[in-house]
N, C-alpha and C. Protein backbone atom coordinates (compact mmCIF):
# COMPACT_ATOMS: atom_id res chain seq x y z
N MET A 1 13.02 150.12 220.59
CA MET A 1 12.20 149.14 221.26
C MET A 1 11.80 147.99 220.34
N THR A 2 11.45 148.27 219.09
CA THR A 2 11.06 147.20 218.19
C THR A 2 12.21 146.24 217.91
N GLY A 3 13.44 146.75 217.89
CA GLY A 3 14.60 145.88 217.68
C GLY A 3 14.75 144.88 218.81
N VAL A 4 14.47 145.33 220.05
CA VAL A 4 14.56 144.45 221.21
C VAL A 4 13.46 143.38 221.13
N ARG A 5 12.25 143.78 220.76
CA ARG A 5 11.15 142.82 220.64
C ARG A 5 11.43 141.79 219.55
N LEU A 6 11.96 142.27 218.44
CA LEU A 6 12.30 141.36 217.34
C LEU A 6 13.37 140.37 217.77
N ALA A 7 14.38 140.83 218.50
CA ALA A 7 15.44 139.94 218.99
C ALA A 7 14.87 138.93 219.97
N ALA A 8 13.94 139.37 220.84
CA ALA A 8 13.33 138.45 221.80
C ALA A 8 12.50 137.40 221.08
N LEU A 9 11.77 137.81 220.05
CA LEU A 9 10.97 136.86 219.27
C LEU A 9 11.87 135.85 218.56
N ALA A 10 12.97 136.32 217.99
CA ALA A 10 13.92 135.40 217.33
C ALA A 10 14.50 134.42 218.32
N ALA A 11 14.79 134.88 219.53
CA ALA A 11 15.33 133.98 220.56
C ALA A 11 14.32 132.91 220.93
N LEU A 12 13.02 133.27 221.00
CA LEU A 12 11.98 132.29 221.32
C LEU A 12 11.85 131.25 220.21
N VAL A 13 11.90 131.70 218.97
CA VAL A 13 11.79 130.78 217.84
C VAL A 13 12.96 129.82 217.82
N LEU A 14 14.16 130.33 218.06
CA LEU A 14 15.34 129.48 218.06
C LEU A 14 15.35 128.52 219.23
N ALA A 15 14.73 128.92 220.35
CA ALA A 15 14.71 128.07 221.54
C ALA A 15 13.60 127.04 221.51
N ALA A 16 12.66 127.16 220.56
CA ALA A 16 11.55 126.21 220.48
C ALA A 16 12.08 124.81 220.22
N PRO A 17 11.50 123.81 220.86
CA PRO A 17 11.97 122.44 220.65
C PRO A 17 11.74 121.99 219.20
N ILE A 18 12.67 121.24 218.70
CA ILE A 18 12.54 120.67 217.35
C ILE A 18 11.62 119.48 217.43
N ALA A 19 10.73 119.35 216.48
CA ALA A 19 9.78 118.24 216.47
C ALA A 19 10.53 116.91 216.46
N ALA A 20 10.08 116.00 217.29
CA ALA A 20 10.71 114.69 217.36
C ALA A 20 10.44 113.90 216.08
N ALA A 21 11.39 113.07 215.72
CA ALA A 21 11.23 112.21 214.55
C ALA A 21 10.10 111.22 214.82
N PRO A 22 9.35 110.83 213.79
CA PRO A 22 8.26 109.89 214.01
C PRO A 22 8.78 108.57 214.60
N ARG A 23 7.98 107.98 215.47
CA ARG A 23 8.35 106.71 216.09
C ARG A 23 8.33 105.60 215.06
N ASP A 24 9.26 104.67 215.18
CA ASP A 24 9.32 103.52 214.29
C ASP A 24 8.24 102.52 214.73
N PRO A 25 7.25 102.23 213.88
CA PRO A 25 6.18 101.32 214.27
C PRO A 25 6.64 99.87 214.44
N LEU A 26 7.85 99.57 213.99
CA LEU A 26 8.37 98.21 214.09
C LEU A 26 9.48 98.07 215.14
N ALA A 27 9.72 99.12 215.92
CA ALA A 27 10.77 99.10 216.93
C ALA A 27 10.52 97.97 217.93
N GLY A 28 11.56 97.24 218.25
CA GLY A 28 11.47 96.15 219.20
C GLY A 28 10.87 94.87 218.64
N ARG A 29 10.67 94.81 217.35
CA ARG A 29 10.08 93.63 216.71
C ARG A 29 11.11 92.94 215.82
N VAL A 30 10.88 91.68 215.56
CA VAL A 30 11.79 90.88 214.74
C VAL A 30 11.07 90.46 213.46
N ALA A 31 11.75 90.64 212.33
CA ALA A 31 11.18 90.27 211.03
C ALA A 31 11.12 88.77 210.87
N GLY A 32 10.05 88.29 210.28
CA GLY A 32 9.90 86.88 209.97
C GLY A 32 10.06 86.65 208.48
N LYS A 33 9.72 85.44 208.05
CA LYS A 33 9.82 85.07 206.64
C LYS A 33 8.71 85.79 205.85
N PRO A 34 9.05 86.45 204.74
CA PRO A 34 8.03 87.14 203.95
C PRO A 34 6.91 86.19 203.52
N GLU A 35 5.69 86.74 203.52
CA GLU A 35 4.51 85.97 203.14
C GLU A 35 3.89 86.57 201.90
N ARG A 36 3.35 85.72 201.07
CA ARG A 36 2.71 86.18 199.83
C ARG A 36 1.36 86.82 200.11
N CYS A 37 0.61 86.28 201.07
CA CYS A 37 -0.73 86.78 201.38
C CYS A 37 -0.92 86.87 202.89
N ILE A 38 -1.81 87.77 203.30
CA ILE A 38 -2.20 87.85 204.71
C ILE A 38 -3.73 87.82 204.77
N PRO A 39 -4.29 87.16 205.81
CA PRO A 39 -5.75 87.10 205.91
C PRO A 39 -6.34 88.44 206.32
N LEU A 40 -7.38 88.87 205.64
CA LEU A 40 -8.01 90.15 205.95
C LEU A 40 -8.77 90.12 207.26
N THR A 41 -9.28 88.95 207.63
CA THR A 41 -10.08 88.86 208.86
C THR A 41 -9.23 89.10 210.10
N GLN A 42 -7.92 88.97 210.00
CA GLN A 42 -7.04 89.15 211.16
C GLN A 42 -6.29 90.47 211.11
N ASN A 43 -6.61 91.34 210.18
CA ASN A 43 -5.85 92.58 210.04
C ASN A 43 -6.76 93.79 209.99
N ARG A 44 -6.23 94.87 210.49
CA ARG A 44 -6.91 96.16 210.39
C ARG A 44 -6.29 96.92 209.23
N GLY A 45 -6.90 98.01 208.82
CA GLY A 45 -6.46 98.79 207.66
C GLY A 45 -4.99 99.18 207.70
N GLY A 46 -4.44 99.39 206.52
CA GLY A 46 -3.04 99.75 206.40
C GLY A 46 -2.78 101.21 206.71
N ILE A 47 -1.61 101.48 207.28
CA ILE A 47 -1.16 102.83 207.59
C ILE A 47 0.05 103.12 206.71
N VAL A 48 0.00 104.23 205.99
CA VAL A 48 1.12 104.63 205.14
C VAL A 48 2.15 105.34 206.01
N VAL A 49 3.36 104.77 206.07
CA VAL A 49 4.45 105.36 206.86
C VAL A 49 5.25 106.34 206.00
N ASP A 50 5.60 105.90 204.80
CA ASP A 50 6.33 106.75 203.86
C ASP A 50 6.10 106.20 202.45
N ARG A 51 6.84 106.71 201.47
CA ARG A 51 6.62 106.31 200.06
C ARG A 51 6.91 104.83 199.79
N ASP A 52 7.62 104.18 200.69
CA ASP A 52 8.00 102.78 200.49
C ASP A 52 7.42 101.82 201.51
N THR A 53 6.67 102.33 202.49
CA THR A 53 6.27 101.48 203.61
C THR A 53 4.80 101.64 203.98
N ILE A 54 4.12 100.49 204.04
CA ILE A 54 2.75 100.41 204.54
C ILE A 54 2.76 99.35 205.64
N ILE A 55 2.13 99.65 206.78
CA ILE A 55 2.08 98.72 207.91
C ILE A 55 0.63 98.29 208.14
N TYR A 56 0.43 96.98 208.22
CA TYR A 56 -0.87 96.42 208.59
C TYR A 56 -0.74 95.83 209.98
N ASP A 57 -1.69 96.13 210.87
CA ASP A 57 -1.72 95.54 212.21
C ASP A 57 -2.48 94.24 212.17
N GLY A 58 -1.86 93.18 212.67
CA GLY A 58 -2.50 91.87 212.73
C GLY A 58 -2.88 91.51 214.15
N ASN A 59 -3.42 90.33 214.32
CA ASN A 59 -3.78 89.82 215.64
C ASN A 59 -2.54 89.51 216.46
N GLY A 60 -2.69 89.54 217.77
CA GLY A 60 -1.61 89.15 218.67
C GLY A 60 -0.40 90.07 218.62
N GLY A 61 -0.58 91.31 218.23
CA GLY A 61 0.54 92.25 218.19
C GLY A 61 1.42 92.13 216.97
N ARG A 62 1.08 91.24 216.07
CA ARG A 62 1.86 91.08 214.84
C ARG A 62 1.60 92.25 213.91
N LYS A 63 2.64 92.70 213.24
CA LYS A 63 2.52 93.75 212.23
C LYS A 63 3.11 93.22 210.94
N TYR A 64 2.54 93.66 209.82
CA TYR A 64 3.04 93.27 208.51
C TYR A 64 3.53 94.52 207.78
N LYS A 65 4.74 94.42 207.27
CA LYS A 65 5.31 95.52 206.50
C LYS A 65 5.27 95.17 205.02
N THR A 66 4.77 96.09 204.22
CA THR A 66 4.74 95.92 202.78
C THR A 66 5.01 97.28 202.15
N GLY A 67 4.85 97.38 200.89
CA GLY A 67 5.03 98.64 200.17
C GLY A 67 4.68 98.41 198.72
N PRO A 68 4.93 99.40 197.89
CA PRO A 68 4.59 99.26 196.48
C PRO A 68 5.66 98.52 195.70
N VAL A 69 5.23 97.85 194.64
CA VAL A 69 6.18 97.29 193.67
C VAL A 69 6.60 98.47 192.81
N GLY A 70 7.87 98.77 192.79
CA GLY A 70 8.35 99.92 192.01
C GLY A 70 7.92 101.22 192.65
N SER A 71 7.76 102.22 191.82
CA SER A 71 7.41 103.55 192.30
C SER A 71 5.90 103.73 192.38
N CYS A 72 5.45 104.42 193.42
CA CYS A 72 4.03 104.77 193.58
C CYS A 72 4.02 106.21 194.11
N PRO A 73 4.15 107.20 193.22
CA PRO A 73 4.32 108.59 193.64
C PRO A 73 3.22 109.13 194.55
N SER A 74 2.03 108.59 194.47
CA SER A 74 0.93 109.11 195.29
C SER A 74 0.95 108.57 196.72
N LEU A 75 1.81 107.62 197.01
CA LEU A 75 1.87 107.00 198.34
C LEU A 75 2.68 107.87 199.29
N ARG A 76 2.01 108.42 200.29
CA ARG A 76 2.67 109.24 201.30
C ARG A 76 1.80 109.25 202.55
N PRO A 77 2.40 109.60 203.69
CA PRO A 77 1.62 109.62 204.93
C PRO A 77 0.37 110.50 204.79
N MET A 78 -0.65 110.14 205.50
CA MET A 78 -1.94 110.83 205.55
C MET A 78 -2.84 110.53 204.35
N THR A 79 -2.35 109.75 203.37
CA THR A 79 -3.25 109.35 202.28
C THR A 79 -4.02 108.12 202.73
N THR A 80 -5.18 107.93 202.14
CA THR A 80 -6.02 106.78 202.44
C THR A 80 -5.82 105.73 201.36
N LEU A 81 -5.69 104.47 201.77
CA LEU A 81 -5.54 103.37 200.81
C LEU A 81 -6.92 102.89 200.37
N ILE A 82 -7.06 102.68 199.08
CA ILE A 82 -8.25 102.04 198.51
C ILE A 82 -7.74 100.74 197.92
N VAL A 83 -8.08 99.63 198.57
CA VAL A 83 -7.52 98.33 198.21
C VAL A 83 -8.53 97.51 197.43
N GLU A 84 -8.07 96.90 196.34
CA GLU A 84 -8.91 96.00 195.56
C GLU A 84 -8.61 94.57 196.01
N VAL A 85 -9.58 93.97 196.66
CA VAL A 85 -9.39 92.64 197.25
C VAL A 85 -10.18 91.60 196.47
N TRP A 86 -9.54 90.48 196.20
CA TRP A 86 -10.18 89.35 195.52
C TRP A 86 -10.12 88.17 196.47
N GLY A 87 -11.21 87.89 197.16
CA GLY A 87 -11.22 86.79 198.13
C GLY A 87 -10.98 87.33 199.53
N GLY A 88 -10.63 86.45 200.45
CA GLY A 88 -10.47 86.81 201.85
C GLY A 88 -9.06 87.15 202.26
N GLN A 89 -8.17 87.31 201.29
CA GLN A 89 -6.77 87.61 201.61
C GLN A 89 -6.29 88.82 200.83
N LEU A 90 -5.29 89.47 201.39
CA LEU A 90 -4.60 90.55 200.71
C LEU A 90 -3.26 89.97 200.28
N CYS A 91 -2.97 90.03 198.99
CA CYS A 91 -1.80 89.33 198.46
C CYS A 91 -0.83 90.24 197.71
N GLN A 92 0.38 89.73 197.61
CA GLN A 92 1.40 90.37 196.79
C GLN A 92 0.83 90.55 195.38
N ASN A 93 1.07 91.69 194.78
CA ASN A 93 0.60 92.07 193.45
C ASN A 93 -0.87 92.48 193.40
N ASP A 94 -1.62 92.40 194.53
CA ASP A 94 -2.95 92.98 194.55
C ASP A 94 -2.80 94.48 194.35
N GLN A 95 -3.80 95.09 193.76
CA GLN A 95 -3.71 96.51 193.43
C GLN A 95 -4.34 97.39 194.50
N PHE A 96 -3.80 98.60 194.62
CA PHE A 96 -4.38 99.60 195.50
C PHE A 96 -4.22 100.98 194.87
N ARG A 97 -5.02 101.90 195.35
CA ARG A 97 -4.93 103.29 194.94
C ARG A 97 -4.88 104.12 196.22
N THR A 98 -4.56 105.38 196.10
CA THR A 98 -4.59 106.27 197.26
C THR A 98 -5.50 107.45 196.95
N ILE A 99 -5.94 108.08 198.03
CA ILE A 99 -6.73 109.30 197.86
C ILE A 99 -6.24 110.30 198.90
N GLU A 100 -6.03 111.52 198.46
CA GLU A 100 -5.56 112.60 199.32
C GLU A 100 -6.72 113.11 200.17
N PRO A 101 -6.45 113.52 201.41
CA PRO A 101 -7.51 114.10 202.24
C PRO A 101 -8.15 115.30 201.52
N GLY A 102 -9.46 115.33 201.48
CA GLY A 102 -10.18 116.43 200.87
C GLY A 102 -10.41 116.31 199.37
N LEU A 103 -9.83 115.29 198.74
CA LEU A 103 -10.03 115.09 197.32
C LEU A 103 -10.94 113.90 197.07
N SER A 104 -11.47 113.79 195.87
CA SER A 104 -12.37 112.67 195.58
C SER A 104 -11.91 111.81 194.42
N ILE A 105 -10.81 112.17 193.78
CA ILE A 105 -10.31 111.39 192.65
C ILE A 105 -9.11 110.57 193.12
N PRO A 106 -9.21 109.24 193.05
CA PRO A 106 -8.09 108.41 193.49
C PRO A 106 -6.93 108.44 192.50
N SER A 107 -5.78 108.00 192.99
CA SER A 107 -4.55 107.97 192.19
C SER A 107 -4.58 106.82 191.18
N ALA A 108 -3.51 106.73 190.43
CA ALA A 108 -3.30 105.57 189.55
C ALA A 108 -3.10 104.33 190.42
N ARG A 109 -3.22 103.16 189.83
CA ARG A 109 -3.08 101.91 190.57
C ARG A 109 -1.60 101.61 190.86
N CYS A 110 -1.38 101.04 192.03
CA CYS A 110 -0.08 100.53 192.43
C CYS A 110 -0.28 99.09 192.89
N ARG A 111 0.81 98.35 193.08
CA ARG A 111 0.71 96.95 193.51
C ARG A 111 1.51 96.74 194.79
N PHE A 112 1.03 95.80 195.62
CA PHE A 112 1.72 95.46 196.87
C PHE A 112 2.92 94.55 196.62
N ARG A 113 3.97 94.76 197.42
CA ARG A 113 5.08 93.79 197.50
C ARG A 113 4.64 92.68 198.45
N GLU A 114 5.56 91.78 198.74
CA GLU A 114 5.28 90.72 199.73
C GLU A 114 5.09 91.36 201.10
N PHE A 115 4.53 90.60 202.03
CA PHE A 115 4.23 91.07 203.38
C PHE A 115 5.20 90.42 204.36
N VAL A 116 5.95 91.23 205.08
CA VAL A 116 6.93 90.71 206.05
C VAL A 116 6.32 90.84 207.44
N PRO A 117 6.13 89.70 208.15
CA PRO A 117 5.57 89.78 209.50
C PRO A 117 6.64 90.23 210.50
N TYR A 118 6.23 91.04 211.44
CA TYR A 118 7.10 91.48 212.54
C TYR A 118 6.41 91.15 213.84
N THR A 119 7.13 90.46 214.73
CA THR A 119 6.58 90.09 216.03
C THR A 119 7.57 90.50 217.12
N ARG A 120 7.05 90.59 218.32
CA ARG A 120 7.92 90.86 219.47
C ARG A 120 8.65 89.58 219.83
N PRO A 121 9.94 89.69 220.19
CA PRO A 121 10.67 88.47 220.55
C PRO A 121 10.13 87.86 221.85
N GLU A 122 10.27 86.55 221.96
CA GLU A 122 9.85 85.86 223.17
C GLU A 122 10.68 86.36 224.36
N LYS A 123 10.01 86.54 225.49
CA LYS A 123 10.73 86.98 226.69
C LYS A 123 11.45 85.79 227.31
N VAL A 124 12.70 86.02 227.70
CA VAL A 124 13.50 84.96 228.34
C VAL A 124 13.18 84.96 229.81
N ARG A 125 12.90 83.78 230.34
CA ARG A 125 12.55 83.66 231.77
C ARG A 125 13.72 83.19 232.57
């Protein structure tokens, strides 16, 4: 009897749906000319997508894609960005750190690359 139960459990595990890949936050958008700085007043906090990608949401549905200059080993999804801002803009080469959920010691400093704006294409009438 236990062999039958074990086989049934294995069949359920194998039949379980595989987790869907994360949605691309820039799907359906077109890249614009990279910008050196973005205004903070028009943007909400950055979301870490992966080790190379941070997305900032701007006004009007615009999104900005950036990432670290070089390697930033502490940058991964679910980490919180601690950004050092000088003035009213977030700029290329500005420094940031990350902090892991549940921890209180931030990572070493990393720097932002340029910011690439992504917008939805104009609808053809």
